[in-house]
């Protein structure tokens, strides 16, 4: 199960991570978020040595959502060395997400 990140843990968990981190910005009420969540869990398990997957609940962490300009969810941003290197918006099937992550995993 992916770790839930807060404004307090974001720097340590995401920006200072030694491997790429996919941040899933989501909300409880978001249907597409619930669709993509098990796919991200699978990818996280399969590529655990290369990629960390964490979740940010935009309702509980509005400051992070605003800071990273989240206007629609699910939104996924991949951070590497503290910088955003990939951005994906919307629920996608696993092959599409893996294609988006190509070169990182």
PDB file of N, CA and C in Angstrom:
ATOM      1  N   UNK A   1       0.839  -1.194   0.000  1.00  0.00           N
ATOM      2  CA  UNK A   1       0.000   0.000   0.000  1.00  0.00           C
ATOM      3  C   UNK A   1       0.878   1.250   0.000  1.00  0.00           C
ATOM      4  N   UNK A   2       0.623   2.171  -0.908  1.00  0.00           N
ATOM      5  CA  UNK A   2       1.465   3.371  -0.984  1.00  0.00           C
ATOM      6  C   UNK A   2       1.383   4.221   0.281  1.00  0.00           C
ATOM      7  N   UNK A   3       2.448   4.891   0.549  1.00  0.00           N
ATOM      8  CA  UNK A   3       2.542   5.784   1.693  1.00  0.00           C
ATOM      9  C   UNK A   3       1.740   7.058   1.410  1.00  0.00           C
ATOM     10  N   UNK A   4       1.050   7.544   2.420  1.00  0.00           N
ATOM     11  CA  UNK A   4       0.341   8.821   2.296  1.00  0.00           C
ATOM     12  C   UNK A   4       1.271   9.924   2.780  1.00  0.00           C
ATOM     13  N   UNK A   5       1.479  10.911   1.928  1.00  0.00           N
ATOM     14  CA  UNK A   5       2.424  11.980   2.198  1.00  0.00           C
ATOM     15  C   UNK A   5       1.653  13.243   2.575  1.00  0.00           C
ATOM     16  N   UNK A   6       2.194  13.967   3.532  1.00  0.00           N
ATOM     17  CA  UNK A   6       1.589  15.220   3.969  1.00  0.00           C
ATOM     18  C   UNK A   6       2.550  16.369   3.666  1.00  0.00           C
ATOM     19  N   UNK A   7       2.072  17.571   3.911  1.00  0.00           N
ATOM     20  CA  UNK A   7       2.921  18.735   3.687  1.00  0.00           C
ATOM     21  C   UNK A   7       4.178  18.632   4.568  1.00  0.00           C
ATOM     22  N   UNK A   8       4.040  18.011   5.732  1.00  0.00           N
ATOM     23  CA  UNK A   8       5.181  17.886   6.647  1.00  0.00           C
ATOM     24  C   UNK A   8       6.208  16.854   6.191  1.00  0.00           C
ATOM     25  N   UNK A   9       5.754  15.806   5.497  1.00  0.00           N
ATOM     26  CA  UNK A   9       6.685  14.749   5.104  1.00  0.00           C
ATOM     27  C   UNK A   9       7.101  14.824   3.631  1.00  0.00           C
ATOM     28  N   UNK A  10       6.524  15.757   2.871  1.00  0.00           N
ATOM     29  CA  UNK A  10       6.753  15.811   1.423  1.00  0.00           C
ATOM     30  C   UNK A  10       8.235  15.968   1.079  1.00  0.00           C
ATOM     31  N   UNK A  11       8.918  16.864   1.767  1.00  0.00           N
ATOM     32  CA  UNK A  11      10.326  17.110   1.449  1.00  0.00           C
ATOM     33  C   UNK A  11      11.163  15.843   1.623  1.00  0.00           C
ATOM     34  N   UNK A  12      11.007  15.183   2.765  1.00  0.00           N
ATOM     35  CA  UNK A  12      11.799  13.977   3.036  1.00  0.00           C
ATOM     36  C   UNK A  12      11.377  12.818   2.140  1.00  0.00           C
ATOM     37  N   UNK A  13      10.067  12.630   1.972  1.00  0.00           N
ATOM     38  CA  UNK A  13       9.567  11.467   1.232  1.00  0.00           C
ATOM     39  C   UNK A  13       9.684  11.603  -0.276  1.00  0.00           C
ATOM     40  N   UNK A  14       9.619  12.819  -0.783  1.00  0.00           N
ATOM     41  CA  UNK A  14       9.581  13.018  -2.231  1.00  0.00           C
ATOM     42  C   UNK A  14      10.813  13.762  -2.731  1.00  0.00           C
ATOM     43  N   UNK A  15      11.021  14.967  -2.245  1.00  0.00           N
ATOM     44  CA  UNK A  15      12.080  15.815  -2.804  1.00  0.00           C
ATOM     45  C   UNK A  15      13.480  15.300  -2.502  1.00  0.00           C
ATOM     46  N   UNK A  16      13.652  14.610  -1.374  1.00  0.00           N
ATOM     47  CA  UNK A  16      14.987  14.125  -0.996  1.00  0.00           C
ATOM     48  C   UNK A  16      15.177  12.637  -1.272  1.00  0.00           C
ATOM     49  N   UNK A  17      14.214  11.999  -1.950  1.00  0.00           N
ATOM     50  CA  UNK A  17      14.320  10.569  -2.238  1.00  0.00           C
ATOM     51  C   UNK A  17      15.479  10.297  -3.194  1.00  0.00           C
ATOM     52  N   UNK A  18      16.121   9.146  -3.005  1.00  0.00           N
ATOM     53  CA  UNK A  18      17.242   8.775  -3.878  1.00  0.00           C
ATOM     54  C   UNK A  18      16.756   8.128  -5.174  1.00  0.00           C
ATOM     55  N   UNK A  19      15.475   7.734  -5.228  1.00  0.00           N
ATOM     56  CA  UNK A  19      14.947   7.168  -6.474  1.00  0.00           C
ATOM     57  C   UNK A  19      13.734   7.986  -6.918  1.00  0.00           C
ATOM     58  N   UNK A  20      13.321   7.838  -8.176  1.00  0.00           N
ATOM     59  CA  UNK A  20      12.152   8.583  -8.642  1.00  0.00           C
ATOM     60  C   UNK A  20      10.930   8.268  -7.788  1.00  0.00           C
ATOM     61  N   UNK A  21      10.104   9.300  -7.569  1.00  0.00           N
ATOM     62  CA  UNK A  21       8.883   9.151  -6.765  1.00  0.00           C
ATOM     63  C   UNK A  21       7.693   9.619  -7.594  1.00  0.00           C
ATOM     64  N   UNK A  22       6.723   8.723  -7.773  1.00  0.00           N
ATOM     65  CA  UNK A  22       5.473   9.099  -8.429  1.00  0.00           C
ATOM     66  C   UNK A  22       4.505   9.534  -7.330  1.00  0.00           C
ATOM     67  N   UNK A  23       4.050  10.777  -7.405  1.00  0.00           N
ATOM     68  CA  UNK A  23       3.088  11.298  -6.439  1.00  0.00           C
ATOM     69  C   UNK A  23       1.713  11.276  -7.096  1.00  0.00           C
ATOM     70  N   UNK A  24       0.806  10.516  -6.493  1.00  0.00           N
ATOM     71  CA  UNK A  24      -0.568  10.405  -6.965  1.00  0.00           C
ATOM     72  C   UNK A  24      -1.415  11.389  -6.170  1.00  0.00           C
ATOM     73  N   UNK A  25      -1.823  12.483  -6.828  1.00  0.00           N
ATOM     74  CA  UNK A  25      -2.715  13.455  -6.200  1.00  0.00           C
ATOM     75  C   UNK A  25      -4.139  12.966  -6.432  1.00  0.00           C
ATOM     76  N   UNK A  26      -4.899  12.719  -5.369  1.00  0.00           N
ATOM     77  CA  UNK A  26      -6.194  12.072  -5.471  1.00  0.00           C
ATOM     78  C   UNK A  26      -7.147  12.614  -4.400  1.00  0.00           C
ATOM     79  N   UNK A  27      -8.406  12.152  -4.445  1.00  0.00           N
ATOM     80  CA  UNK A  27      -9.390  12.456  -3.407  1.00  0.00           C
ATOM     81  C   UNK A  27     -10.335  11.267  -3.266  1.00  0.00           C
ATOM     82  N   UNK A  28     -10.891  11.131  -2.085  1.00  0.00           N
ATOM     83  CA  UNK A  28     -11.790  10.022  -1.759  1.00  0.00           C
ATOM     84  C   UNK A  28     -12.990   9.949  -2.700  1.00  0.00           C
ATOM     85  N   UNK A  29     -13.529  11.093  -3.074  1.00  0.00           N
ATOM     86  CA  UNK A  29     -14.765  11.166  -3.869  1.00  0.00           C
ATOM     87  C   UNK A  29     -14.524  11.002  -5.367  1.00  0.00           C
ATOM     88  N   UNK A  30     -13.285  10.867  -5.781  1.00  0.00           N
ATOM     89  CA  UNK A  30     -12.931  10.855  -7.214  1.00  0.00           C
ATOM     90  C   UNK A  30     -12.965   9.428  -7.772  1.00  0.00           C
ATOM     91  N   UNK A  31     -13.958   9.139  -8.617  1.00  0.00           N
ATOM     92  CA  UNK A  31     -14.096   7.816  -9.224  1.00  0.00           C
ATOM     93  C   UNK A  31     -12.883   7.385 -10.027  1.00  0.00           C
ATOM     94  N   UNK A  32     -12.395   8.227 -10.969  1.00  0.00           N
ATOM     95  CA  UNK A  32     -11.202   7.846 -11.737  1.00  0.00           C
ATOM     96  C   UNK A  32      -9.978   7.599 -10.847  1.00  0.00           C
ATOM     97  N   UNK A  33      -9.896   8.310  -9.719  1.00  0.00           N
ATOM     98  CA  UNK A  33      -8.784   8.084  -8.785  1.00  0.00           C
ATOM     99  C   UNK A  33      -8.853   6.670  -8.232  1.00  0.00           C
ATOM    100  N   UNK A  34     -10.058   6.229  -7.894  1.00  0.00           N
ATOM    101  CA  UNK A  34     -10.233   4.875  -7.360  1.00  0.00           C
ATOM    102  C   UNK A  34      -9.936   3.821  -8.426  1.00  0.00           C
ATOM    103  N   UNK A  35     -10.176   4.161  -9.699  1.00  0.00           N
ATOM    104  CA  UNK A  35      -9.874   3.224 -10.786  1.00  0.00           C
ATOM    105  C   UNK A  35      -8.366   3.056 -10.977  1.00  0.00           C
ATOM    106  N   UNK A  36      -7.627   4.144 -10.876  1.00  0.00           N
ATOM    107  CA  UNK A  36      -6.192   4.091 -11.165  1.00  0.00           C
ATOM    108  C   UNK A  36      -5.380   3.609  -9.960  1.00  0.00           C
ATOM    109  N   UNK A  37      -5.936   3.718  -8.764  1.00  0.00           N
ATOM    110  CA  UNK A  37      -5.197   3.368  -7.553  1.00  0.00           C
ATOM    111  C   UNK A  37      -4.666   1.927  -7.536  1.00  0.00           C
ATOM    112  N   UNK A  38      -5.488   0.908  -7.859  1.00  0.00           N
ATOM    113  CA  UNK A  38      -4.932  -0.462  -7.845  1.00  0.00           C
ATOM    114  C   UNK A  38      -3.872  -0.685  -8.916  1.00  0.00           C
ATOM    115  N   UNK A  39      -3.967   0.034 -10.023  1.00  0.00           N
ATOM    116  CA  UNK A  39      -2.947  -0.072 -11.079  1.00  0.00           C
ATOM    117  C   UNK A  39      -1.623   0.482 -10.563  1.00  0.00           C
ATOM    118  N   UNK A  40      -1.693   1.621  -9.877  1.00  0.00           N
ATOM    119  CA  UNK A  40      -0.474   2.205  -9.304  1.00  0.00           C
ATOM    120  C   UNK A  40       0.103   1.279  -8.231  1.00  0.00           C
ATOM    121  N   UNK A  41      -0.777   0.630  -7.456  1.00  0.00           N
ATOM    122  CA  UNK A  41      -0.291  -0.321  -6.449  1.00  0.00           C
ATOM    123  C   UNK A  41       0.498  -1.453  -7.117  1.00  0.00           C
ATOM    124  N   UNK A  42      -0.027  -1.963  -8.245  1.00  0.00           N
ATOM    125  CA  UNK A  42       0.658  -3.031  -8.986  1.00  0.00           C
ATOM    126  C   UNK A  42       2.014  -2.560  -9.494  1.00  0.00           C
ATOM    127  N   UNK A  43       2.029  -1.384 -10.119  1.00  0.00           N
ATOM    128  CA  UNK A  43       3.287  -0.838 -10.661  1.00  0.00           C
ATOM    129  C   UNK A  43       4.277  -0.626  -9.522  1.00  0.00           C
ATOM    130  N   UNK A  44       3.788  -0.105  -8.392  1.00  0.00           N
ATOM    131  CA  UNK A  44       4.659   0.115  -7.241  1.00  0.00           C
ATOM    132  C   UNK A  44       5.279  -1.167  -6.730  1.00  0.00           C
ATOM    133  N   UNK A  45       4.499  -2.239  -6.725  1.00  0.00           N
ATOM    134  CA  UNK A  45       5.012  -3.527  -6.257  1.00  0.00           C
ATOM    135  C   UNK A  45       6.010  -4.119  -7.252  1.00  0.00           C
ATOM    136  N   UNK A  46       5.692  -4.016  -8.541  1.00  0.00           N
ATOM    137  CA  UNK A  46       6.549  -4.610  -9.567  1.00  0.00           C
ATOM    138  C   UNK A  46       7.874  -3.868  -9.737  1.00  0.00           C
ATOM    139  N   UNK A  47       7.859  -2.565  -9.502  1.00  0.00           N
ATOM    140  CA  UNK A  47       9.063  -1.754  -9.742  1.00  0.00           C
ATOM    141  C   UNK A  47       9.563  -1.098  -8.456  1.00  0.00           C
ATOM    142  N   UNK A  48       9.333  -1.746  -7.327  1.00  0.00           N
ATOM    143  CA  UNK A  48       9.676  -1.168  -6.026  1.00  0.00           C
ATOM    144  C   UNK A  48      11.154  -0.783  -5.912  1.00  0.00           C
ATOM    145  N   UNK A  49      12.022  -1.501  -6.623  1.00  0.00           N
ATOM    146  CA  UNK A  49      13.448  -1.192  -6.554  1.00  0.00           C
ATOM    147  C   UNK A  49      13.817   0.051  -7.357  1.00  0.00           C
ATOM    148  N   UNK A  50      12.934   0.482  -8.278  1.00  0.00           N
ATOM    149  CA  UNK A  50      13.262   1.608  -9.162  1.00  0.00           C
ATOM    150  C   UNK A  50      12.393   2.839  -8.958  1.00  0.00           C
ATOM    151  N   UNK A  51      11.209   2.645  -8.343  1.00  0.00           N
ATOM    152  CA  UNK A  51      10.236   3.733  -8.264  1.00  0.00           C
ATOM    153  C   UNK A  51       9.461   3.648  -6.962  1.00  0.00           C
ATOM    154  N   UNK A  52       9.333   4.769  -6.298  1.00  0.00           N
ATOM    155  CA  UNK A  52       8.510   4.874  -5.090  1.00  0.00           C
ATOM    156  C   UNK A  52       7.181   5.504  -5.508  1.00  0.00           C
ATOM    157  N   UNK A  53       6.072   4.981  -4.994  1.00  0.00           N
ATOM    158  CA  UNK A  53       4.766   5.584  -5.282  1.00  0.00           C
ATOM    159  C   UNK A  53       4.151   6.030  -3.965  1.00  0.00           C
ATOM    160  N   UNK A  54       3.752   7.301  -3.923  1.00  0.00           N
ATOM    161  CA  UNK A  54       3.127   7.860  -2.718  1.00  0.00           C
ATOM    162  C   UNK A  54       1.839   8.565  -3.125  1.00  0.00           C
ATOM    163  N   UNK A  55       0.984   8.824  -2.146  1.00  0.00           N
ATOM    164  CA  UNK A  55      -0.300   9.446  -2.413  1.00  0.00           C
ATOM    165  C   UNK A  55      -0.429  10.747  -1.625  1.00  0.00           C
ATOM    166  N   UNK A  56      -1.068  11.745  -2.252  1.00  0.00           N
ATOM    167  CA  UNK A  56      -1.408  12.990  -1.581  1.00  0.00           C
ATOM    168  C   UNK A  56      -2.906  13.206  -1.758  1.00  0.00           C
ATOM    169  N   UNK A  57      -3.637  13.239  -0.651  1.00  0.00           N
ATOM    170  CA  UNK A  57      -5.067  13.512  -0.681  1.00  0.00           C
ATOM    171  C   UNK A  57      -5.240  15.026  -0.797  1.00  0.00           C
ATOM    172  N   UNK A  58      -5.775  15.491  -1.931  1.00  0.00           N
ATOM    173  CA  UNK A  58      -5.856  16.938  -2.189  1.00  0.00           C
ATOM    174  C   UNK A  58      -6.818  17.638  -1.234  1.00  0.00           C
ATOM    175  N   UNK A  59      -7.794  16.908  -0.694  1.00  0.00           N
ATOM    176  CA  UNK A  59      -8.713  17.514   0.277  1.00  0.00           C
ATOM    177  C   UNK A  59      -8.022  17.744   1.619  1.00  0.00           C
ATOM    178  N   UNK A  60      -7.131  16.829   1.987  1.00  0.00           N
ATOM    179  CA  UNK A  60      -6.426  16.941   3.267  1.00  0.00           C
ATOM    180  C   UNK A  60      -5.158  17.785   3.161  1.00  0.00           C
ATOM    181  N   UNK A  61      -4.626  17.921   1.949  1.00  0.00           N
ATOM    182  CA  UNK A  61      -3.368  18.660   1.734  1.00  0.00           C
ATOM    183  C   UNK A  61      -3.545  19.730   0.645  1.00  0.00           C
ATOM    184  N   UNK A  62      -4.437  20.704   0.875  1.00  0.00           N
ATOM    185  CA  UNK A  62      -4.689  21.709  -0.169  1.00  0.00           C
ATOM    186  C   UNK A  62      -3.458  22.551  -0.515  1.00  0.00           C
ATOM    187  N   UNK A  63      -2.545  22.724   0.443  1.00  0.00           N
ATOM    188  CA  UNK A  63      -1.337  23.516   0.162  1.00  0.00           C
ATOM    189  C   UNK A  63      -0.458  22.834  -0.875  1.00  0.00           C
ATOM    190  N   UNK A  64      -0.319  21.496  -0.773  1.00  0.00           N
ATOM    191  CA  UNK A  64       0.472  20.762  -1.759  1.00  0.00           C
ATOM    192  C   UNK A  64      -0.214  20.786  -3.123  1.00  0.00           C
ATOM    193  N   UNK A  65      -1.537  20.627  -3.129  1.00  0.00           N
ATOM    194  CA  UNK A  65      -2.279  20.664  -4.392  1.00  0.00           C
ATOM    195  C   UNK A  65      -2.093  22.016  -5.072  1.00  0.00           C
ATOM    196  N   UNK A  66      -2.144  23.083  -4.296  1.00  0.00           N
ATOM    197  CA  UNK A  66      -1.968  24.429  -4.856  1.00  0.00           C
ATOM    198  C   UNK A  66      -0.532  24.642  -5.321  1.00  0.00           C
ATOM    199  N   UNK A  67       0.424  24.217  -4.513  1.00  0.00           N
ATOM    200  CA  UNK A  67       1.839  24.415  -4.853  1.00  0.00           C
ATOM    201  C   UNK A  67       2.202  23.735  -6.173  1.00  0.00           C
ATOM    202  N   UNK A  68       1.611  22.555  -6.413  1.00  0.00           N
ATOM    203  CA  UNK A  68       1.937  21.813  -7.632  1.00  0.00           C
ATOM    204  C   UNK A  68       0.855  21.964  -8.701  1.00  0.00           C
ATOM    205  N   UNK A  69       0.014  23.000  -8.549  1.00  0.00           N
ATOM    206  CA  UNK A  69      -0.967  23.408  -9.571  1.00  0.00           C
ATOM    207  C   UNK A  69      -1.841  22.254 -10.026  1.00  0.00           C
ATOM    208  N   UNK A  70      -2.397  21.534  -9.057  1.00  0.00           N
ATOM    209  CA  UNK A  70      -3.299  20.425  -9.370  1.00  0.00           C
ATOM    210  C   UNK A  70      -4.685  21.002  -9.650  1.00  0.00           C
ATOM    211  N   UNK A  71      -5.126  20.908 -10.896  1.00  0.00           N
ATOM    212  CA  UNK A  71      -6.439  21.444 -11.272  1.00  0.00           C
ATOM    213  C   UNK A  71      -7.426  20.337 -11.588  1.00  0.00           C
ATOM    214  N   UNK A  72      -6.934  19.137 -11.857  1.00  0.00           N
ATOM    215  CA  UNK A  72      -7.799  17.995 -12.120  1.00  0.00           C
ATOM    216  C   UNK A  72      -7.150  16.762 -11.529  1.00  0.00           C
ATOM    217  N   UNK A  73      -7.968  15.840 -11.070  1.00  0.00           N
ATOM    218  CA  UNK A  73      -7.427  14.602 -10.500  1.00  0.00           C
ATOM    219  C   UNK A  73      -8.100  13.406 -11.154  1.00  0.00           C
ATOM    220  N   UNK A  74      -7.457  12.253 -11.209  1.00  0.00           N
ATOM    221  CA  UNK A  74      -6.132  12.000 -10.649  1.00  0.00           C
ATOM    222  C   UNK A  74      -5.038  12.696 -11.462  1.00  0.00           C
ATOM    223  N   UNK A  75      -4.071  13.218 -10.743  1.00  0.00           N
ATOM    224  CA  UNK A  75      -2.889  13.808 -11.366  1.00  0.00           C
ATOM    225  C   UNK A  75      -1.678  13.128 -10.758  1.00  0.00           C
ATOM    226  N   UNK A  76      -0.768  12.716 -11.612  1.00  0.00           N
ATOM    227  CA  UNK A  76       0.438  12.043 -11.142  1.00  0.00           C
ATOM    228  C   UNK A  76       1.650  12.830 -11.616  1.00  0.00           C
ATOM    229  N   UNK A  77       2.535  13.104 -10.689  1.00  0.00           N
ATOM    230  CA  UNK A  77       3.771  13.802 -11.032  1.00  0.00           C
ATOM    231  C   UNK A  77       4.930  12.946 -10.541  1.00  0.00           C
ATOM    232  N   UNK A  78       5.916  12.791 -11.408  1.00  0.00           N
ATOM    233  CA  UNK A  78       7.094  12.010 -11.034  1.00  0.00           C
ATOM    234  C   UNK A  78       8.220  12.984 -10.725  1.00  0.00           C
ATOM    235  N   UNK A  79       8.758  12.843  -9.529  1.00  0.00           N
ATOM    236  CA  UNK A  79       9.863  13.694  -9.077  1.00  0.00           C
ATOM    237  C   UNK A  79      11.146  12.881  -9.103  1.00  0.00           C
ATOM    238  N   UNK A  80      12.213  13.512  -9.575  1.00  0.00           N
ATOM    239  CA  UNK A  80      13.536  12.884  -9.546  1.00  0.00           C
ATOM    240  C   UNK A  80      14.516  13.966  -9.141  1.00  0.00           C
ATOM    241  N   UNK A  81      15.317  13.691  -8.129  1.00  0.00           N
ATOM    242  CA  UNK A  81      16.273  14.674  -7.611  1.00  0.00           C
ATOM    243  C   UNK A  81      15.580  15.992  -7.261  1.00  0.00           C
ATOM    244  N   UNK A  82      14.365  15.884  -6.705  1.00  0.00           N
ATOM    245  CA  UNK A  82      13.659  17.077  -6.244  1.00  0.00           C
ATOM    246  C   UNK A  82      12.932  17.870  -7.314  1.00  0.00           C
ATOM    247  N   UNK A  83      12.961  17.400  -8.560  1.00  0.00           N
ATOM    248  CA  UNK A  83      12.314  18.136  -9.655  1.00  0.00           C
ATOM    249  C   UNK A  83      11.283  17.255 -10.361  1.00  0.00           C
ATOM    250  N   UNK A  84      10.253  17.897 -10.910  1.00  0.00           N
ATOM    251  CA  UNK A  84       9.239  17.158 -11.659  1.00  0.00           C
ATOM    252  C   UNK A  84       9.828  16.782 -13.019  1.00  0.00           C
ATOM    253  N   UNK A  85       9.802  15.479 -13.328  1.00  0.00           N
ATOM    254  CA  UNK A  85      10.340  15.012 -14.609  1.00  0.00           C
ATOM    255  C   UNK A  85       9.252  14.454 -15.528  1.00  0.00           C
ATOM    256  N   UNK A  86       8.082  14.115 -14.971  1.00  0.00           N
ATOM    257  CA  UNK A  86       6.939  13.627 -15.763  1.00  0.00           C
ATOM    258  C   UNK A  86       5.660  14.086 -15.104  1.00  0.00           C
ATOM    259  N   UNK A  87       4.641  14.339 -15.935  1.00  0.00           N
ATOM    260  CA  UNK A  87       3.322  14.678 -15.419  1.00  0.00           C
ATOM    261  C   UNK A  87       2.278  13.919 -16.223  1.00  0.00           C
ATOM    262  N   UNK A  88       1.324  13.332 -15.522  1.00  0.00           N
ATOM    263  CA  UNK A  88       0.246  12.584 -16.175  1.00  0.00           C
ATOM    264  C   UNK A  88      -1.056  12.980 -15.489  1.00  0.00           C
ATOM    265  N   UNK A  89      -2.108  13.144 -16.279  1.00  0.00           N
ATOM    266  CA  UNK A  89      -3.404  13.502 -15.719  1.00  0.00           C
ATOM    267  C   UNK A  89      -4.449  12.529 -16.239  1.00  0.00           C
ATOM    268  N   UNK A  90      -5.327  12.105 -15.343  1.00  0.00           N
ATOM    269  CA  UNK A  90      -6.424  11.233 -15.734  1.00  0.00           C
ATOM    270  C   UNK A  90      -6.121   9.771 -15.507  1.00  0.00           C
ATOM    271  N   UNK A  91      -7.187   8.996 -15.387  1.00  0.00           N
ATOM    272  CA  UNK A  91      -7.046   7.554 -15.200  1.00  0.00           C
ATOM    273  C   UNK A  91      -6.660   6.923 -16.535  1.00  0.00           C
ATOM    274  N   UNK A  92      -5.673   6.046 -16.486  1.00  0.00           N
ATOM    275  CA  UNK A  92      -5.200   5.366 -17.690  1.00  0.00           C
ATOM    276  C   UNK A  92      -5.025   3.895 -17.381  1.00  0.00           C
ATOM    277  N   UNK A  93      -5.117   3.041 -18.400  1.00  0.00           N
ATOM    278  CA  UNK A  93      -4.825   1.629 -18.170  1.00  0.00           C
ATOM    279  C   UNK A  93      -3.330   1.431 -17.899  1.00  0.00           C
ATOM    280  N   UNK A  94      -3.007   0.286 -17.307  1.00  0.00           N
ATOM    281  CA  UNK A  94      -1.624   0.001 -16.921  1.00  0.00           C
ATOM    282  C   UNK A  94      -0.628   0.155 -18.073  1.00  0.00           C
ATOM    283  N   UNK A  95      -0.902  -0.376 -19.282  1.00  0.00           N
ATOM    284  CA  UNK A  95       0.089  -0.219 -20.361  1.00  0.00           C
ATOM    285  C   UNK A  95       0.392   1.251 -20.674  1.00  0.00           C
ATOM    286  N   UNK A  96      -0.624   2.104 -20.604  1.00  0.00           N
ATOM    287  CA  UNK A  96      -0.419   3.536 -20.876  1.00  0.00           C
ATOM    288  C   UNK A  96       0.417   4.180 -19.789  1.00  0.00           C
ATOM    289  N   UNK A  97       0.160   3.816 -18.536  1.00  0.00           N
ATOM    290  CA  UNK A  97       0.964   4.367 -17.437  1.00  0.00           C
ATOM    291  C   UNK A  97       2.411   3.892 -17.534  1.00  0.00           C
ATOM    292  N   UNK A  98       2.604   2.621 -17.865  1.00  0.00           N
ATOM    293  CA  UNK A  98       3.973   2.109 -18.014  1.00  0.00           C
ATOM    294  C   UNK A  98       4.699   2.832 -19.156  1.00  0.00           C
ATOM    295  N   UNK A  99       3.967   3.122 -20.238  1.00  0.00           N
ATOM    296  CA  UNK A  99       4.562   3.844 -21.363  1.00  0.00           C
ATOM    297  C   UNK A  99       4.961   5.252 -20.913  1.00  0.00           C
ATOM    298  N   UNK A 100       4.111   5.886 -20.096  1.00  0.00           N
ATOM    299  CA  UNK A 100       4.435   7.226 -19.580  1.00  0.00           C
ATOM    300  C   UNK A 100       5.665   7.206 -18.693  1.00  0.00           C
ATOM    301  N   UNK A 101       5.905   6.081 -18.040  1.00  0.00           N
ATOM    302  CA  UNK A 101       7.030   5.963 -17.106  1.00  0.00           C
ATOM    303  C   UNK A 101       8.303   5.429 -17.772  1.00  0.00           C
ATOM    304  N   UNK A 102       8.229   5.160 -19.071  1.00  0.00           N
ATOM    305  CA  UNK A 102       9.373   4.607 -19.780  1.00  0.00           C
ATOM    306  C   UNK A 102      10.589   5.496 -19.607  1.00  0.00           C
ATOM    307  N   UNK A 103      11.723   4.865 -19.384  1.00  0.00           N
ATOM    308  CA  UNK A 103      12.957   5.610 -19.168  1.00  0.00           C
ATOM    309  C   UNK A 103      13.205   5.906 -17.708  1.00  0.00           C
ATOM    310  N   UNK A 104      12.182   5.768 -16.870  1.00  0.00           N
ATOM    311  CA  UNK A 104      12.341   6.000 -15.440  1.00  0.00           C
ATOM    312  C   UNK A 104      12.382   4.702 -14.653  1.00  0.00           C
ATOM    313  N   UNK A 105      11.737   3.651 -15.220  1.00  0.00           N
ATOM    314  CA  UNK A 105      11.688   2.364 -14.504  1.00  0.00           C
ATOM    315  C   UNK A 105      12.280   1.263 -15.368  1.00  0.00           C
TER     316      UNK A 105
END
